[in-house]
C-alpha atoms as a PDB file:
ATOM      1  CA  MET A   1      61.407 149.650  23.024  1.00  0.00           C
ATOM      2  CA  ALA A   2      58.099 148.976  21.341  1.00  0.00           C
ATOM      3  CA  GLU A   3      57.465 150.696  18.056  1.00  0.00           C
ATOM      4  CA  ASN A   4      54.272 152.727  17.902  1.00  0.00           C
ATOM      5  CA  ARG A   5      52.280 152.155  14.747  1.00  0.00           C
ATOM      6  CA  ILE A   6      49.335 154.150  13.660  1.00  0.00           C
ATOM      7  CA  ARG A   7      47.010 152.582  11.181  1.00  0.00           C
ATOM      8  CA  ILE A   8      44.945 155.050   9.237  1.00  0.00           C
ATOM      9  CA  GLU A   9      41.978 153.835   7.246  1.00  0.00           C
ATOM     10  CA  GLY A  10      38.880 155.434   5.895  1.00  0.00           C
ATOM     11  CA  ARG A  11      37.671 157.709   3.186  1.00  0.00           C
ATOM     12  CA  VAL A  12      38.819 161.160   2.208  1.00  0.00           C
ATOM     13  CA  LYS A  13      37.541 163.514  -0.440  1.00  0.00           C
ATOM     14  CA  ARG A  14      39.552 163.406  -3.651  1.00  0.00           C
ATOM     15  CA  ILE A  15      41.752 166.433  -4.284  1.00  0.00           C
ATOM     16  CA  GLU A  16      40.263 166.591  -7.784  1.00  0.00           C
ATOM     17  CA  TYR A  17      36.810 167.127  -6.271  1.00  0.00           C
ATOM     18  CA  LEU A  18      38.045 169.834  -3.916  1.00  0.00           C
ATOM     19  CA  ARG A  19      39.721 171.633  -6.824  1.00  0.00           C
ATOM     20  CA  TYR A  20      36.571 171.249  -8.936  1.00  0.00           C
ATOM     21  CA  LEU A  21      34.467 172.728  -6.134  1.00  0.00           C
ATOM     22  CA  ALA A  22      36.914 175.627  -5.735  1.00  0.00           C
ATOM     23  CA  ASP A  23      36.790 176.288  -9.501  1.00  0.00           C
ATOM     24  CA  VAL A  24      32.982 176.307  -9.510  1.00  0.00           C
ATOM     25  CA  ARG A  25      32.901 178.748  -6.606  1.00  0.00           C
ATOM     26  CA  ALA A  26      35.551 180.965  -8.263  1.00  0.00           C
ATOM     27  CA  GLU A  27      33.550 181.084 -11.506  1.00  0.00           C
ATOM     28  CA  GLU A  28      30.415 181.974  -9.573  1.00  0.00           C
ATOM     29  CA  GLN A  29      32.220 184.744  -7.696  1.00  0.00           C
ATOM     30  CA  GLN A  30      33.663 186.099 -10.924  1.00  0.00           C
ATOM     31  CA  ALA A  31      30.149 186.294 -12.426  1.00  0.00           C
ATOM     32  CA  ILE A  32      28.885 188.115  -9.322  1.00  0.00           C
ATOM     33  CA  ASP A  33      31.844 190.517  -9.448  1.00  0.00           C
ATOM     34  CA  MET A  34      30.967 191.285 -13.080  1.00  0.00           C
ATOM     35  CA  GLY A  35      27.469 192.263 -11.998  1.00  0.00           C
ATOM     36  CA  TYR A  36      25.523 189.162 -12.995  1.00  0.00           C
ATOM     37  CA  HIS A  37      22.756 187.988 -10.699  1.00  0.00           C
ATOM     38  CA  ILE A  38      23.218 184.235 -10.394  1.00  0.00           C
ATOM     39  CA  THR A  39      22.073 181.506  -8.084  1.00  0.00           C
ATOM     40  CA  ARG A  40      24.994 179.611  -6.633  1.00  0.00           C
ATOM     41  CA  LYS A  41      24.977 175.854  -7.082  1.00  0.00           C
ATOM     42  CA  SER A  42      24.397 173.848  -3.948  1.00  0.00           C
ATOM     43  CA  ILE A  43      27.075 171.486  -2.715  1.00  0.00           C
ATOM     44  CA  GLU A  44      24.789 168.610  -3.738  1.00  0.00           C
ATOM     45  CA  GLU A  45      24.537 169.952  -7.299  1.00  0.00           C
ATOM     46  CA  VAL A  46      28.300 170.340  -7.574  1.00  0.00           C
ATOM     47  CA  ARG A  47      28.853 166.836  -6.148  1.00  0.00           C
ATOM     48  CA  GLU A  48      26.360 165.267  -8.563  1.00  0.00           C
ATOM     49  CA  GLU A  49      27.934 167.104 -11.497  1.00  0.00           C
ATOM     50  CA  PHE A  50      31.418 165.929 -10.469  1.00  0.00           C
ATOM     51  CA  GLN A  51      30.265 162.342  -9.997  1.00  0.00           C
ATOM     52  CA  ALA A  52      28.616 162.292 -13.422  1.00  0.00           C
ATOM     53  CA  LYS A  53      31.855 163.433 -15.060  1.00  0.00           C
ATOM     54  CA  TYR A  54      34.566 161.797 -12.941  1.00  0.00           C
ATOM     55  CA  GLY A  55      33.096 159.244 -10.545  1.00  0.00           C
ATOM     56  CA  SER A  56      33.101 159.194  -6.776  1.00  0.00           C
ATOM     57  CA  ILE A  57      34.264 162.163  -4.722  1.00  0.00           C
ATOM     58  CA  TRP A  58      35.714 159.729  -2.191  1.00  0.00           C
ATOM     59  CA  MET A  59      39.065 157.954  -2.127  1.00  0.00           C
ATOM     60  CA  GLU A  60      39.718 154.986   0.140  1.00  0.00           C
ATOM     61  CA  ILE A  61      42.932 155.072   2.146  1.00  0.00           C
END
């Protein structure tokens, strides 16, 4: 019987980036809940901020 092998390659977003994004959104929501009028950061702004601090949002697998 032949063994089936699946080869997975590509890029995935780092878990650190996803957690960072979730933290940013949680902080924004908390400010809104407290009555502050804020402008949410765009995904691009959050990505650029993360990359400046920690490097690429992508991980090669």
